[in-house]
C-alpha cells in the first residue's frame, strides 16, 4: 500500500480509516466519497484528498452545464464562461481500500 509522500505510516493508516468511514459503494465496483464529507473533516481535508489521489482515486468528472445559448439560454453575449468548480465526488478503484 502506498503512503502519501512525507506521511508517517501511522498517519497514512489514520487517513485510510477516515476514507473508509466516508466512502460508499460506487457503480464501478470501487468506492466513492462526496467532497462535502471530506470538507466536513476540517483541517485534514487536504490530506484526505492527497491520500485519495495517491491511491489511484480520481475526481469524478462533472456533467457539462446546460448551454446558455439558444432561444431559452438567457446568454445574449455568446461568450462561454469557463468554470473551475471543484469535483463533487472522488472515485476510488476496486481494491484501493482493501
N, C-alpha and C. Protein backbone atom coordinates (compact mmCIF):
# COMPACT_ATOMS: atom_id res chain seq x y z
N UNK A 1 0.84 -1.16 0.00
CA UNK A 1 0.00 0.00 0.00
C UNK A 1 0.89 1.23 0.00
N UNK A 2 0.61 2.17 -0.86
CA UNK A 2 1.39 3.39 -0.97
C UNK A 2 1.05 4.36 0.14
N UNK A 3 2.06 5.09 0.59
CA UNK A 3 1.81 6.14 1.57
C UNK A 3 1.92 7.48 0.89
N UNK A 4 1.23 8.45 1.42
CA UNK A 4 1.32 9.81 0.89
C UNK A 4 2.72 10.31 1.17
N UNK A 5 3.34 10.97 0.20
CA UNK A 5 4.70 11.46 0.34
C UNK A 5 4.81 12.34 1.57
N UNK A 6 5.79 12.04 2.42
CA UNK A 6 6.01 12.83 3.62
C UNK A 6 5.14 12.43 4.80
N UNK A 7 4.32 11.43 4.64
CA UNK A 7 3.43 11.00 5.72
C UNK A 7 4.03 9.78 6.42
N UNK A 8 3.92 9.76 7.73
CA UNK A 8 4.34 8.60 8.51
C UNK A 8 3.32 7.49 8.30
N UNK A 9 3.74 6.23 8.41
CA UNK A 9 2.79 5.13 8.23
C UNK A 9 1.57 5.21 9.16
N UNK A 10 1.77 5.69 10.39
CA UNK A 10 0.63 5.81 11.32
C UNK A 10 -0.37 6.84 10.81
N UNK A 11 0.15 7.94 10.28
CA UNK A 11 -0.72 8.99 9.74
C UNK A 11 -1.46 8.46 8.51
N UNK A 12 -0.77 7.70 7.67
CA UNK A 12 -1.38 7.11 6.49
C UNK A 12 -2.52 6.18 6.89
N UNK A 13 -2.31 5.38 7.92
CA UNK A 13 -3.35 4.48 8.41
C UNK A 13 -4.54 5.24 8.97
N UNK A 14 -4.27 6.36 9.65
CA UNK A 14 -5.35 7.17 10.21
C UNK A 14 -6.20 7.79 9.09
N UNK A 15 -5.53 8.28 8.05
CA UNK A 15 -6.26 8.86 6.92
C UNK A 15 -7.05 7.78 6.20
N UNK A 16 -6.45 6.59 6.03
CA UNK A 16 -7.16 5.48 5.39
C UNK A 16 -8.43 5.14 6.15
N UNK A 17 -8.36 5.15 7.49
CA UNK A 17 -9.54 4.85 8.31
C UNK A 17 -10.65 5.88 8.08
N UNK A 18 -10.28 7.15 7.93
CA UNK A 18 -11.27 8.19 7.65
C UNK A 18 -11.87 7.97 6.26
N UNK A 19 -11.03 7.65 5.28
CA UNK A 19 -11.52 7.41 3.92
C UNK A 19 -12.48 6.23 3.89
N UNK A 20 -12.16 5.17 4.60
CA UNK A 20 -13.05 4.00 4.67
C UNK A 20 -14.38 4.40 5.30
N UNK A 21 -14.34 5.20 6.35
CA UNK A 21 -15.56 5.63 7.04
C UNK A 21 -16.43 6.50 6.13
N UNK A 22 -15.82 7.36 5.32
CA UNK A 22 -16.58 8.28 4.48
C UNK A 22 -17.04 7.68 3.17
N UNK A 23 -16.43 6.59 2.75
CA UNK A 23 -16.71 6.05 1.42
C UNK A 23 -18.01 5.25 1.36
N UNK A 24 -18.55 5.22 0.16
CA UNK A 24 -19.76 4.46 -0.15
C UNK A 24 -19.49 3.64 -1.41
N UNK A 25 -20.24 2.57 -1.62
CA UNK A 25 -20.05 1.78 -2.85
C UNK A 25 -20.36 2.62 -4.10
N UNK A 26 -19.59 2.40 -5.15
CA UNK A 26 -19.78 3.08 -6.43
C UNK A 26 -20.20 2.04 -7.46
N UNK A 27 -20.91 2.48 -8.48
CA UNK A 27 -21.40 1.55 -9.51
C UNK A 27 -20.27 0.85 -10.27
N UNK A 28 -19.06 1.40 -10.22
CA UNK A 28 -17.91 0.79 -10.89
C UNK A 28 -17.38 -0.41 -10.11
N UNK A 29 -17.84 -0.58 -8.89
CA UNK A 29 -17.33 -1.64 -8.03
C UNK A 29 -16.35 -1.10 -7.00
N UNK A 30 -15.87 0.11 -7.21
CA UNK A 30 -14.97 0.75 -6.26
C UNK A 30 -15.75 1.48 -5.19
N UNK A 31 -15.18 2.58 -4.75
CA UNK A 31 -15.80 3.39 -3.72
C UNK A 31 -15.88 4.84 -4.17
N UNK A 32 -16.80 5.58 -3.58
CA UNK A 32 -16.95 7.00 -3.89
C UNK A 32 -17.07 7.77 -2.59
N UNK A 33 -16.49 8.97 -2.58
CA UNK A 33 -16.55 9.84 -1.41
C UNK A 33 -17.00 11.21 -1.86
N UNK A 34 -18.01 11.72 -1.21
CA UNK A 34 -18.51 13.06 -1.52
C UNK A 34 -17.51 14.10 -1.03
N UNK A 35 -17.29 15.12 -1.83
CA UNK A 35 -16.39 16.21 -1.46
C UNK A 35 -16.88 16.90 -0.19
N UNK A 36 -18.18 17.04 -0.03
CA UNK A 36 -18.75 17.68 1.16
C UNK A 36 -18.35 16.92 2.43
N UNK A 37 -18.32 15.60 2.36
CA UNK A 37 -17.92 14.80 3.52
C UNK A 37 -16.44 15.01 3.83
N UNK A 38 -15.63 15.15 2.80
CA UNK A 38 -14.20 15.39 3.00
C UNK A 38 -13.99 16.75 3.65
N UNK A 39 -14.66 17.78 3.12
CA UNK A 39 -14.53 19.13 3.65
C UNK A 39 -15.01 19.19 5.10
N UNK A 40 -16.02 18.41 5.43
CA UNK A 40 -16.55 18.40 6.80
C UNK A 40 -15.54 17.85 7.81
N UNK A 41 -14.53 17.16 7.34
CA UNK A 41 -13.50 16.64 8.23
C UNK A 41 -12.57 17.75 8.71
N UNK A 42 -12.68 18.94 8.15
CA UNK A 42 -11.92 20.09 8.63
C UNK A 42 -10.51 20.15 8.10
N UNK A 43 -9.57 20.36 9.00
CA UNK A 43 -8.18 20.60 8.64
C UNK A 43 -7.54 19.43 7.89
N UNK A 44 -8.05 18.24 8.07
CA UNK A 44 -7.49 17.07 7.40
C UNK A 44 -7.96 16.90 5.96
N UNK A 45 -8.81 17.77 5.47
CA UNK A 45 -9.40 17.57 4.14
C UNK A 45 -8.35 17.53 3.04
N UNK A 46 -7.34 18.37 3.10
CA UNK A 46 -6.30 18.35 2.07
C UNK A 46 -5.52 17.04 2.11
N UNK A 47 -5.24 16.54 3.30
CA UNK A 47 -4.53 15.27 3.44
C UNK A 47 -5.38 14.11 2.93
N UNK A 48 -6.68 14.19 3.14
CA UNK A 48 -7.58 13.14 2.66
C UNK A 48 -7.59 13.10 1.13
N UNK A 49 -7.72 14.27 0.50
CA UNK A 49 -7.71 14.32 -0.96
C UNK A 49 -6.36 13.82 -1.50
N UNK A 50 -5.26 14.22 -0.87
CA UNK A 50 -3.94 13.75 -1.29
C UNK A 50 -3.84 12.23 -1.18
N UNK A 51 -4.41 11.66 -0.12
CA UNK A 51 -4.39 10.20 0.07
C UNK A 51 -5.18 9.53 -1.04
N UNK A 52 -6.34 10.08 -1.36
CA UNK A 52 -7.18 9.50 -2.41
C UNK A 52 -6.44 9.50 -3.74
N UNK A 53 -5.84 10.63 -4.10
CA UNK A 53 -5.10 10.73 -5.36
C UNK A 53 -3.91 9.78 -5.37
N UNK A 54 -3.20 9.68 -4.24
CA UNK A 54 -2.04 8.78 -4.15
C UNK A 54 -2.43 7.31 -4.28
N UNK A 55 -3.69 6.99 -4.05
CA UNK A 55 -4.16 5.60 -4.13
C UNK A 55 -5.05 5.39 -5.36
N UNK A 56 -4.73 6.09 -6.44
CA UNK A 56 -5.39 5.94 -7.74
C UNK A 56 -6.82 6.43 -7.78
N UNK A 57 -7.22 7.22 -6.80
CA UNK A 57 -8.54 7.83 -6.83
C UNK A 57 -8.56 8.97 -7.83
N UNK A 58 -9.72 9.22 -8.39
CA UNK A 58 -9.87 10.27 -9.39
C UNK A 58 -11.07 11.14 -9.06
N UNK A 59 -10.95 12.45 -9.34
CA UNK A 59 -12.13 13.29 -9.19
C UNK A 59 -13.16 12.87 -10.23
N UNK A 60 -14.39 12.77 -9.82
CA UNK A 60 -15.44 12.40 -10.76
C UNK A 60 -15.70 13.57 -11.70
N UNK A 61 -15.75 13.27 -12.98
CA UNK A 61 -16.00 14.35 -13.93
C UNK A 61 -17.42 14.86 -13.78
N UNK A 62 -17.54 16.16 -13.84
CA UNK A 62 -18.83 16.81 -13.67
C UNK A 62 -19.50 16.90 -15.02
N UNK A 63 -20.80 16.65 -15.05
CA UNK A 63 -21.55 16.77 -16.30
C UNK A 63 -21.48 18.21 -16.78
N UNK A 64 -21.35 18.42 -18.08
CA UNK A 64 -21.28 19.79 -18.59
C UNK A 64 -22.56 20.55 -18.28
N UNK A 65 -22.39 21.84 -18.02
CA UNK A 65 -23.55 22.68 -17.72
C UNK A 65 -24.36 22.91 -18.98
N UNK A 66 -25.63 23.19 -18.78
CA UNK A 66 -26.52 23.45 -19.91
C UNK A 66 -26.04 24.68 -20.67
N UNK A 67 -26.29 24.68 -21.94
CA UNK A 67 -25.88 25.79 -22.79
C UNK A 67 -26.61 27.07 -22.39
N UNK A 68 -25.89 28.17 -22.47
CA UNK A 68 -26.51 29.47 -22.21
C UNK A 68 -26.88 30.14 -23.53
N UNK A 69 -26.72 29.42 -24.61
CA UNK A 69 -27.04 29.97 -25.92
C UNK A 69 -28.36 29.39 -26.41
N UNK A 70 -28.92 29.99 -27.39
CA UNK A 70 -30.16 29.50 -27.96
C UNK A 70 -31.35 30.29 -27.49
N UNK A 71 -32.50 29.84 -27.86
CA UNK A 71 -33.74 30.56 -27.61
C UNK A 71 -33.99 30.78 -26.12
N UNK A 72 -33.75 29.76 -25.29
CA UNK A 72 -34.05 29.86 -23.87
C UNK A 72 -32.79 29.91 -23.01
N UNK A 73 -31.66 30.15 -23.62
CA UNK A 73 -30.40 30.13 -22.88
C UNK A 73 -30.19 31.31 -21.97
N UNK A 74 -30.67 32.46 -22.30
CA UNK A 74 -30.52 33.61 -21.44
C UNK A 74 -29.23 34.37 -21.63
N UNK A 75 -28.26 33.80 -22.32
CA UNK A 75 -26.99 34.49 -22.55
C UNK A 75 -27.00 35.18 -23.89
N UNK A 76 -26.96 36.48 -23.91
CA UNK A 76 -27.02 37.22 -25.16
C UNK A 76 -25.65 37.53 -25.73
N UNK A 77 -24.62 37.45 -24.92
CA UNK A 77 -23.30 37.83 -25.41
C UNK A 77 -22.67 36.75 -26.26
N UNK A 78 -23.07 35.50 -26.08
CA UNK A 78 -22.50 34.40 -26.85
C UNK A 78 -21.18 33.91 -26.28
N UNK A 79 -20.66 34.58 -25.27
CA UNK A 79 -19.39 34.16 -24.67
C UNK A 79 -19.64 32.99 -23.73
N UNK A 80 -18.74 32.02 -23.78
CA UNK A 80 -18.83 30.89 -22.87
C UNK A 80 -18.03 31.20 -21.62
N UNK A 81 -18.60 30.88 -20.50
CA UNK A 81 -17.94 31.13 -19.24
C UNK A 81 -17.25 29.85 -18.79
N UNK A 82 -15.96 29.96 -18.56
CA UNK A 82 -15.20 28.80 -18.09
C UNK A 82 -15.42 28.66 -16.59
N UNK A 83 -15.77 27.46 -16.16
CA UNK A 83 -15.96 27.22 -14.74
C UNK A 83 -14.86 26.32 -14.22
N UNK A 84 -14.47 26.54 -13.02
CA UNK A 84 -13.46 25.69 -12.39
C UNK A 84 -14.02 25.16 -11.08
N UNK A 85 -15.22 24.64 -11.14
CA UNK A 85 -15.85 24.07 -9.96
C UNK A 85 -15.04 22.87 -9.48
N UNK A 86 -14.91 22.72 -8.16
CA UNK A 86 -14.22 21.53 -7.66
C UNK A 86 -15.09 20.30 -7.91
N UNK A 87 -14.46 19.13 -7.99
CA UNK A 87 -15.25 17.91 -8.20
C UNK A 87 -16.20 17.69 -7.03
N UNK A 88 -17.34 17.13 -7.31
CA UNK A 88 -18.31 16.84 -6.25
C UNK A 88 -17.99 15.56 -5.50
N UNK A 89 -17.34 14.63 -6.21
CA UNK A 89 -17.03 13.34 -5.61
C UNK A 89 -15.68 12.85 -6.10
N UNK A 90 -15.10 11.95 -5.34
CA UNK A 90 -13.86 11.28 -5.72
C UNK A 90 -14.15 9.79 -5.78
N UNK A 91 -13.68 9.14 -6.84
CA UNK A 91 -13.93 7.72 -7.04
C UNK A 91 -12.62 6.95 -6.88
N UNK A 92 -12.67 5.95 -6.03
CA UNK A 92 -11.52 5.06 -5.82
C UNK A 92 -11.77 3.75 -6.55
N UNK A 93 -10.73 3.18 -7.16
CA UNK A 93 -10.90 1.92 -7.88
C UNK A 93 -11.12 0.75 -6.93
N UNK A 94 -11.54 -0.36 -7.50
CA UNK A 94 -11.73 -1.60 -6.74
C UNK A 94 -10.41 -1.97 -6.07
N UNK A 95 -10.44 -2.30 -4.81
CA UNK A 95 -9.27 -2.75 -4.10
C UNK A 95 -8.42 -1.65 -3.48
N UNK A 96 -8.74 -0.39 -3.71
CA UNK A 96 -7.93 0.70 -3.16
C UNK A 96 -8.02 0.77 -1.64
N UNK A 97 -9.13 0.33 -1.09
CA UNK A 97 -9.31 0.38 0.36
C UNK A 97 -9.04 -0.96 1.03
N UNK A 98 -8.76 -1.97 0.23
CA UNK A 98 -8.59 -3.31 0.78
C UNK A 98 -7.22 -3.69 1.13
